[in-house]
Amino acid sequence: MRLRDGRVVPAFVGQALKGEALTVFGEGQQTRSFCYCSDLIGRHLPALQSGYHEPVNIGNPTEFTILDFGKLILKLTGSPSQIVYKPLPQDDPKQRRPDITKARKLLGWEPQVQLEAGLRKTIDYFRDKV
C-alpha cells in the first residue's frame, strides 16, 4: 500500500501521522473488513494445493464502520487529528464483508491477525514514509 493510493488504511494512517484531519465520507456508517497481509499470503499455496479449482474468498469477515475505524487509528497513533465529514460519493459501497465459508470448509482457514495487531504493524511501517 502507498500513502496516497485512495484506500482507507493508508489514507487514515497517513492523515493521522501527519496530524491532518481524517476524512470520513457520509456519516461513516458504511462498513469494511480488514485482513492483514500475512493472513492473505499464507493462504495462497494451500489453496493451490487443495485441488479445489473454484474461487474461494480469503478475507476477514469482521466488519467495522469507517467512523469506528477512524477513531481506532487516532487512538493507536496517538494523533491529535480530528475527524471531518464530507459528502458520501454515490458509488461508495455501504458494506464490504467477504463470505469465507468455503475457505473455512475447504481449507480450514480463519484469519489469525486481529485488527489492532495488524494496524500497529501497519502504522509502524508508515511512520517513516510520511
N, C-alpha and C. Protein backbone atom coordinates (compact mmCIF):
# COMPACT_ATOMS: atom_id res chain seq x y z
N MET A 1 0.84 -1.18 0.00
CA MET A 1 0.00 0.00 0.00
C MET A 1 0.88 1.24 0.00
N ARG A 2 0.37 2.24 -0.64
CA ARG A 2 1.04 3.54 -0.64
C ARG A 2 0.15 4.55 0.06
N LEU A 3 0.75 5.55 0.63
CA LEU A 3 0.00 6.53 1.42
C LEU A 3 -1.13 7.20 0.64
N ARG A 4 -0.94 7.45 -0.63
CA ARG A 4 -1.95 8.18 -1.38
C ARG A 4 -2.60 7.31 -2.46
N ASP A 5 -2.88 6.07 -2.14
CA ASP A 5 -3.48 5.20 -3.16
C ASP A 5 -5.01 5.15 -3.09
N GLY A 6 -5.61 5.93 -2.22
CA GLY A 6 -7.06 6.02 -2.16
C GLY A 6 -7.72 5.00 -1.26
N ARG A 7 -6.95 4.14 -0.62
CA ARG A 7 -7.53 3.15 0.29
C ARG A 7 -7.62 3.74 1.70
N VAL A 8 -8.59 3.26 2.45
CA VAL A 8 -8.85 3.85 3.76
C VAL A 8 -7.71 3.62 4.75
N VAL A 9 -7.05 2.48 4.73
CA VAL A 9 -5.98 2.22 5.70
C VAL A 9 -4.83 3.22 5.53
N PRO A 10 -4.20 3.29 4.35
CA PRO A 10 -3.10 4.25 4.24
C PRO A 10 -3.56 5.70 4.33
N ALA A 11 -4.77 5.99 3.87
CA ALA A 11 -5.27 7.36 3.96
C ALA A 11 -5.40 7.80 5.42
N PHE A 12 -6.08 7.00 6.24
CA PHE A 12 -6.27 7.36 7.65
C PHE A 12 -4.95 7.36 8.41
N VAL A 13 -4.13 6.35 8.19
CA VAL A 13 -2.85 6.29 8.90
C VAL A 13 -1.98 7.49 8.52
N GLY A 14 -1.89 7.78 7.23
CA GLY A 14 -1.09 8.92 6.78
C GLY A 14 -1.62 10.22 7.33
N GLN A 15 -2.92 10.43 7.28
CA GLN A 15 -3.51 11.66 7.81
C GLN A 15 -3.24 11.78 9.31
N ALA A 16 -3.41 10.70 10.03
CA ALA A 16 -3.19 10.74 11.49
C ALA A 16 -1.73 11.02 11.83
N LEU A 17 -0.81 10.36 11.14
CA LEU A 17 0.61 10.56 11.44
C LEU A 17 1.09 11.97 11.08
N LYS A 18 0.44 12.60 10.12
CA LYS A 18 0.80 13.97 9.74
C LYS A 18 0.05 15.02 10.58
N GLY A 19 -0.87 14.55 11.42
CA GLY A 19 -1.67 15.48 12.21
C GLY A 19 -2.78 16.15 11.41
N GLU A 20 -3.10 15.57 10.25
CA GLU A 20 -4.17 16.10 9.41
C GLU A 20 -5.50 15.47 9.83
N ALA A 21 -6.59 16.15 9.46
CA ALA A 21 -7.91 15.62 9.75
C ALA A 21 -8.16 14.35 8.96
N LEU A 22 -8.81 13.39 9.59
CA LEU A 22 -9.21 12.16 8.91
C LEU A 22 -10.52 12.44 8.16
N THR A 23 -10.55 12.10 6.90
CA THR A 23 -11.71 12.36 6.06
C THR A 23 -12.64 11.15 6.07
N VAL A 24 -13.83 11.36 6.61
CA VAL A 24 -14.86 10.32 6.63
C VAL A 24 -15.97 10.78 5.70
N PHE A 25 -16.37 9.88 4.82
CA PHE A 25 -17.43 10.22 3.88
C PHE A 25 -18.78 9.78 4.43
N GLY A 26 -19.78 10.63 4.21
CA GLY A 26 -21.10 10.39 4.77
C GLY A 26 -21.01 10.51 6.28
N GLU A 27 -21.77 9.67 6.96
CA GLU A 27 -21.72 9.65 8.43
C GLU A 27 -20.74 8.62 8.95
N GLY A 28 -20.06 7.91 8.02
CA GLY A 28 -19.08 6.92 8.42
C GLY A 28 -19.69 5.60 8.85
N GLN A 29 -20.94 5.35 8.49
CA GLN A 29 -21.61 4.12 8.91
C GLN A 29 -21.42 2.97 7.92
N GLN A 30 -20.82 3.25 6.76
CA GLN A 30 -20.52 2.16 5.83
C GLN A 30 -19.47 1.26 6.49
N THR A 31 -19.53 -0.02 6.18
CA THR A 31 -18.63 -0.97 6.85
C THR A 31 -17.57 -1.49 5.90
N ARG A 32 -16.46 -1.87 6.49
CA ARG A 32 -15.36 -2.52 5.78
C ARG A 32 -14.82 -3.62 6.67
N SER A 33 -14.17 -4.57 6.06
CA SER A 33 -13.47 -5.59 6.83
C SER A 33 -12.01 -5.54 6.41
N PHE A 34 -11.14 -5.85 7.33
CA PHE A 34 -9.70 -5.70 7.11
C PHE A 34 -8.99 -7.00 7.42
N CYS A 35 -8.14 -7.43 6.51
CA CYS A 35 -7.39 -8.66 6.67
C CYS A 35 -5.91 -8.35 6.53
N TYR A 36 -5.13 -8.73 7.51
CA TYR A 36 -3.70 -8.45 7.48
C TYR A 36 -3.02 -9.29 6.40
N CYS A 37 -2.00 -8.72 5.79
CA CYS A 37 -1.35 -9.34 4.62
C CYS A 37 -0.82 -10.75 4.90
N SER A 38 -0.32 -11.02 6.08
CA SER A 38 0.21 -12.36 6.35
C SER A 38 -0.89 -13.41 6.35
N ASP A 39 -2.11 -13.03 6.73
CA ASP A 39 -3.23 -13.96 6.66
C ASP A 39 -3.58 -14.27 5.20
N LEU A 40 -3.51 -13.27 4.36
CA LEU A 40 -3.83 -13.47 2.94
C LEU A 40 -2.75 -14.27 2.24
N ILE A 41 -1.52 -13.87 2.40
CA ILE A 41 -0.41 -14.51 1.71
C ILE A 41 -0.26 -15.97 2.13
N GLY A 42 -0.45 -16.24 3.40
CA GLY A 42 -0.29 -17.59 3.91
C GLY A 42 -1.31 -18.58 3.38
N ARG A 43 -2.32 -18.11 2.67
CA ARG A 43 -3.37 -18.99 2.17
C ARG A 43 -3.21 -19.35 0.70
N HIS A 44 -2.40 -18.65 -0.03
CA HIS A 44 -2.32 -18.92 -1.47
C HIS A 44 -1.80 -20.31 -1.80
N LEU A 45 -0.71 -20.70 -1.22
CA LEU A 45 -0.14 -22.02 -1.54
C LEU A 45 -1.06 -23.16 -1.11
N PRO A 46 -1.57 -23.16 0.12
CA PRO A 46 -2.50 -24.24 0.49
C PRO A 46 -3.75 -24.26 -0.41
N ALA A 47 -4.23 -23.10 -0.83
CA ALA A 47 -5.38 -23.08 -1.72
C ALA A 47 -5.05 -23.72 -3.06
N LEU A 48 -3.87 -23.42 -3.58
CA LEU A 48 -3.45 -24.02 -4.84
C LEU A 48 -3.27 -25.52 -4.72
N GLN A 49 -2.78 -25.97 -3.58
CA GLN A 49 -2.52 -27.39 -3.37
C GLN A 49 -3.77 -28.18 -2.98
N SER A 50 -4.86 -27.50 -2.73
CA SER A 50 -6.07 -28.17 -2.24
C SER A 50 -6.75 -29.03 -3.29
N GLY A 51 -6.50 -28.75 -4.56
CA GLY A 51 -7.20 -29.47 -5.61
C GLY A 51 -8.55 -28.86 -5.95
N TYR A 52 -8.98 -27.86 -5.21
CA TYR A 52 -10.24 -27.16 -5.47
C TYR A 52 -9.97 -26.09 -6.51
N HIS A 53 -10.74 -26.06 -7.57
CA HIS A 53 -10.44 -25.16 -8.69
C HIS A 53 -11.50 -24.08 -8.92
N GLU A 54 -12.22 -23.74 -7.90
CA GLU A 54 -13.21 -22.67 -7.98
C GLU A 54 -12.75 -21.52 -7.09
N PRO A 55 -13.32 -20.34 -7.28
CA PRO A 55 -12.93 -19.20 -6.43
C PRO A 55 -13.24 -19.45 -4.95
N VAL A 56 -12.35 -18.97 -4.10
CA VAL A 56 -12.52 -19.05 -2.64
C VAL A 56 -12.18 -17.68 -2.08
N ASN A 57 -13.14 -17.08 -1.36
CA ASN A 57 -12.86 -15.79 -0.72
C ASN A 57 -11.92 -15.98 0.46
N ILE A 58 -10.90 -15.16 0.50
CA ILE A 58 -9.99 -15.09 1.64
C ILE A 58 -10.08 -13.67 2.15
N GLY A 59 -10.39 -13.49 3.39
CA GLY A 59 -10.53 -12.16 3.97
C GLY A 59 -10.95 -12.30 5.41
N ASN A 60 -11.26 -11.19 6.01
CA ASN A 60 -11.71 -11.21 7.39
C ASN A 60 -13.16 -10.75 7.42
N PRO A 61 -14.08 -11.58 7.89
CA PRO A 61 -15.49 -11.21 7.86
C PRO A 61 -15.93 -10.25 8.98
N THR A 62 -15.03 -9.87 9.86
CA THR A 62 -15.39 -8.95 10.93
C THR A 62 -15.49 -7.53 10.35
N GLU A 63 -16.64 -6.92 10.52
CA GLU A 63 -16.89 -5.59 9.96
C GLU A 63 -16.68 -4.50 11.00
N PHE A 64 -16.22 -3.36 10.50
CA PHE A 64 -16.08 -2.15 11.31
C PHE A 64 -16.66 -0.99 10.52
N THR A 65 -17.33 -0.07 11.19
CA THR A 65 -17.76 1.12 10.48
C THR A 65 -16.51 1.96 10.19
N ILE A 66 -16.59 2.74 9.15
CA ILE A 66 -15.47 3.62 8.82
C ILE A 66 -15.22 4.60 9.96
N LEU A 67 -16.27 5.09 10.59
CA LEU A 67 -16.11 6.01 11.71
C LEU A 67 -15.37 5.34 12.87
N ASP A 68 -15.76 4.13 13.24
CA ASP A 68 -15.07 3.43 14.32
C ASP A 68 -13.62 3.11 13.95
N PHE A 69 -13.41 2.79 12.69
CA PHE A 69 -12.05 2.53 12.21
C PHE A 69 -11.19 3.79 12.34
N GLY A 70 -11.74 4.92 11.95
CA GLY A 70 -11.01 6.18 12.09
C GLY A 70 -10.66 6.49 13.54
N LYS A 71 -11.60 6.28 14.43
CA LYS A 71 -11.35 6.50 15.86
C LYS A 71 -10.25 5.58 16.38
N LEU A 72 -10.24 4.34 15.90
CA LEU A 72 -9.20 3.39 16.31
C LEU A 72 -7.83 3.84 15.80
N ILE A 73 -7.76 4.32 14.58
CA ILE A 73 -6.50 4.83 14.04
C ILE A 73 -5.99 5.99 14.89
N LEU A 74 -6.87 6.89 15.27
CA LEU A 74 -6.47 8.02 16.12
C LEU A 74 -5.93 7.53 17.46
N LYS A 75 -6.60 6.56 18.03
CA LYS A 75 -6.15 6.01 19.32
C LYS A 75 -4.77 5.35 19.19
N LEU A 76 -4.59 4.51 18.17
CA LEU A 76 -3.33 3.77 18.03
C LEU A 76 -2.15 4.65 17.64
N THR A 77 -2.41 5.71 16.90
CA THR A 77 -1.32 6.62 16.52
C THR A 77 -1.07 7.68 17.58
N GLY A 78 -2.02 7.88 18.47
CA GLY A 78 -1.89 8.95 19.46
C GLY A 78 -2.02 10.32 18.81
N SER A 79 -2.64 10.37 17.67
CA SER A 79 -2.75 11.61 16.90
C SER A 79 -3.79 12.56 17.50
N PRO A 80 -3.50 13.86 17.45
CA PRO A 80 -4.49 14.85 17.90
C PRO A 80 -5.48 15.21 16.78
N SER A 81 -5.38 14.54 15.64
CA SER A 81 -6.23 14.85 14.49
C SER A 81 -7.71 14.74 14.85
N GLN A 82 -8.50 15.49 14.11
CA GLN A 82 -9.95 15.44 14.23
C GLN A 82 -10.51 14.65 13.05
N ILE A 83 -11.76 14.31 13.12
CA ILE A 83 -12.45 13.67 12.01
C ILE A 83 -13.32 14.71 11.34
N VAL A 84 -13.21 14.81 10.02
CA VAL A 84 -14.07 15.72 9.26
C VAL A 84 -14.95 14.87 8.34
N TYR A 85 -16.14 15.37 8.10
CA TYR A 85 -17.11 14.63 7.30
C TYR A 85 -17.30 15.32 5.96
N LYS A 86 -17.32 14.52 4.90
CA LYS A 86 -17.56 15.02 3.55
C LYS A 86 -18.70 14.22 2.95
N PRO A 87 -19.33 14.75 1.91
CA PRO A 87 -20.45 14.02 1.30
C PRO A 87 -20.04 12.63 0.83
N LEU A 88 -20.95 11.69 1.00
CA LEU A 88 -20.73 10.31 0.60
C LEU A 88 -20.84 10.20 -0.92
N PRO A 89 -19.79 9.71 -1.59
CA PRO A 89 -19.90 9.51 -3.05
C PRO A 89 -21.00 8.50 -3.37
N GLN A 90 -21.66 8.68 -4.50
CA GLN A 90 -22.76 7.78 -4.88
C GLN A 90 -22.32 6.34 -5.01
N ASP A 91 -21.10 6.12 -5.46
CA ASP A 91 -20.64 4.75 -5.72
C ASP A 91 -19.94 4.09 -4.53
N ASP A 92 -19.98 4.73 -3.37
CA ASP A 92 -19.31 4.17 -2.20
C ASP A 92 -20.13 3.00 -1.66
N PRO A 93 -19.55 1.80 -1.60
CA PRO A 93 -20.31 0.65 -1.09
C PRO A 93 -20.70 0.84 0.37
N LYS A 94 -21.90 0.43 0.71
CA LYS A 94 -22.38 0.53 2.10
C LYS A 94 -21.77 -0.54 2.98
N GLN A 95 -21.41 -1.67 2.37
CA GLN A 95 -20.91 -2.79 3.16
C GLN A 95 -19.88 -3.56 2.32
N ARG A 96 -18.81 -3.95 2.97
CA ARG A 96 -17.83 -4.86 2.37
C ARG A 96 -17.47 -5.89 3.42
N ARG A 97 -17.88 -7.11 3.14
CA ARG A 97 -17.64 -8.22 4.08
C ARG A 97 -17.55 -9.51 3.28
N PRO A 98 -16.39 -10.14 3.26
CA PRO A 98 -16.27 -11.37 2.49
C PRO A 98 -16.97 -12.54 3.18
N ASP A 99 -17.51 -13.43 2.37
CA ASP A 99 -18.07 -14.68 2.87
C ASP A 99 -16.95 -15.72 2.76
N ILE A 100 -16.40 -16.14 3.89
CA ILE A 100 -15.27 -17.07 3.88
C ILE A 100 -15.69 -18.50 4.20
N THR A 101 -16.95 -18.80 3.97
CA THR A 101 -17.46 -20.15 4.25
C THR A 101 -16.64 -21.23 3.55
N LYS A 102 -16.35 -21.02 2.26
CA LYS A 102 -15.56 -22.02 1.52
C LYS A 102 -14.15 -22.14 2.08
N ALA A 103 -13.54 -21.04 2.44
CA ALA A 103 -12.18 -21.07 2.98
C ALA A 103 -12.15 -21.85 4.30
N ARG A 104 -13.16 -21.66 5.11
CA ARG A 104 -13.25 -22.40 6.38
C ARG A 104 -13.44 -23.90 6.12
N LYS A 105 -14.39 -24.20 5.24
CA LYS A 105 -14.77 -25.59 4.99
C LYS A 105 -13.70 -26.35 4.20
N LEU A 106 -13.20 -25.77 3.12
CA LEU A 106 -12.28 -26.48 2.24
C LEU A 106 -10.82 -26.42 2.68
N LEU A 107 -10.44 -25.29 3.28
CA LEU A 107 -9.03 -25.08 3.63
C LEU A 107 -8.77 -25.06 5.13
N GLY A 108 -9.85 -25.08 5.91
CA GLY A 108 -9.68 -24.97 7.36
C GLY A 108 -9.06 -23.65 7.76
N TRP A 109 -9.37 -22.61 6.98
CA TRP A 109 -8.71 -21.31 7.15
C TRP A 109 -9.57 -20.32 7.92
N GLU A 110 -8.95 -19.61 8.81
CA GLU A 110 -9.53 -18.48 9.53
C GLU A 110 -8.46 -17.42 9.63
N PRO A 111 -8.82 -16.14 9.53
CA PRO A 111 -7.81 -15.11 9.74
C PRO A 111 -7.28 -15.18 11.17
N GLN A 112 -5.99 -14.93 11.34
CA GLN A 112 -5.35 -15.04 12.65
C GLN A 112 -4.99 -13.70 13.28
N VAL A 113 -4.68 -12.72 12.46
CA VAL A 113 -4.20 -11.43 12.97
C VAL A 113 -5.39 -10.53 13.26
N GLN A 114 -5.52 -10.13 14.51
CA GLN A 114 -6.60 -9.23 14.90
C GLN A 114 -6.31 -7.82 14.38
N LEU A 115 -7.37 -7.04 14.21
CA LEU A 115 -7.26 -5.72 13.61
C LEU A 115 -6.22 -4.85 14.30
N GLU A 116 -6.29 -4.72 15.62
CA GLU A 116 -5.35 -3.83 16.32
C GLU A 116 -3.90 -4.26 16.13
N ALA A 117 -3.63 -5.56 16.17
CA ALA A 117 -2.26 -6.04 15.99
C ALA A 117 -1.76 -5.72 14.58
N GLY A 118 -2.60 -5.95 13.59
CA GLY A 118 -2.21 -5.63 12.22
C GLY A 118 -2.03 -4.14 12.01
N LEU A 119 -2.90 -3.34 12.62
CA LEU A 119 -2.77 -1.89 12.48
C LEU A 119 -1.51 -1.36 13.14
N ARG A 120 -1.14 -1.92 14.28
CA ARG A 120 0.10 -1.47 14.93
C ARG A 120 1.30 -1.69 14.00
N LYS A 121 1.36 -2.83 13.34
CA LYS A 121 2.45 -3.11 12.39
C LYS A 121 2.36 -2.18 11.19
N THR A 122 1.16 -1.94 10.72
CA THR A 122 0.96 -1.06 9.56
C THR A 122 1.35 0.37 9.90
N ILE A 123 0.97 0.84 11.06
CA ILE A 123 1.33 2.20 11.50
C ILE A 123 2.84 2.32 11.61
N ASP A 124 3.49 1.33 12.19
CA ASP A 124 4.96 1.35 12.27
C ASP A 124 5.59 1.41 10.89
N TYR A 125 5.04 0.66 9.94
CA TYR A 125 5.54 0.66 8.57
C TYR A 125 5.46 2.06 7.95
N PHE A 126 4.34 2.74 8.17
CA PHE A 126 4.12 4.05 7.55
C PHE A 126 4.81 5.20 8.28
N ARG A 127 5.23 5.02 9.51
CA ARG A 127 5.81 6.14 10.28
C ARG A 127 6.95 6.85 9.55
N ASP A 128 7.83 6.10 8.92
CA ASP A 128 8.97 6.74 8.25
C ASP A 128 8.67 7.09 6.80
N LYS A 129 7.43 6.95 6.38
CA LYS A 129 7.07 7.24 5.00
C LYS A 129 6.23 8.52 4.86
N VAL A 130 5.87 9.12 5.98
CA VAL A 130 5.06 10.34 5.91
C VAL A 130 5.93 11.58 5.86
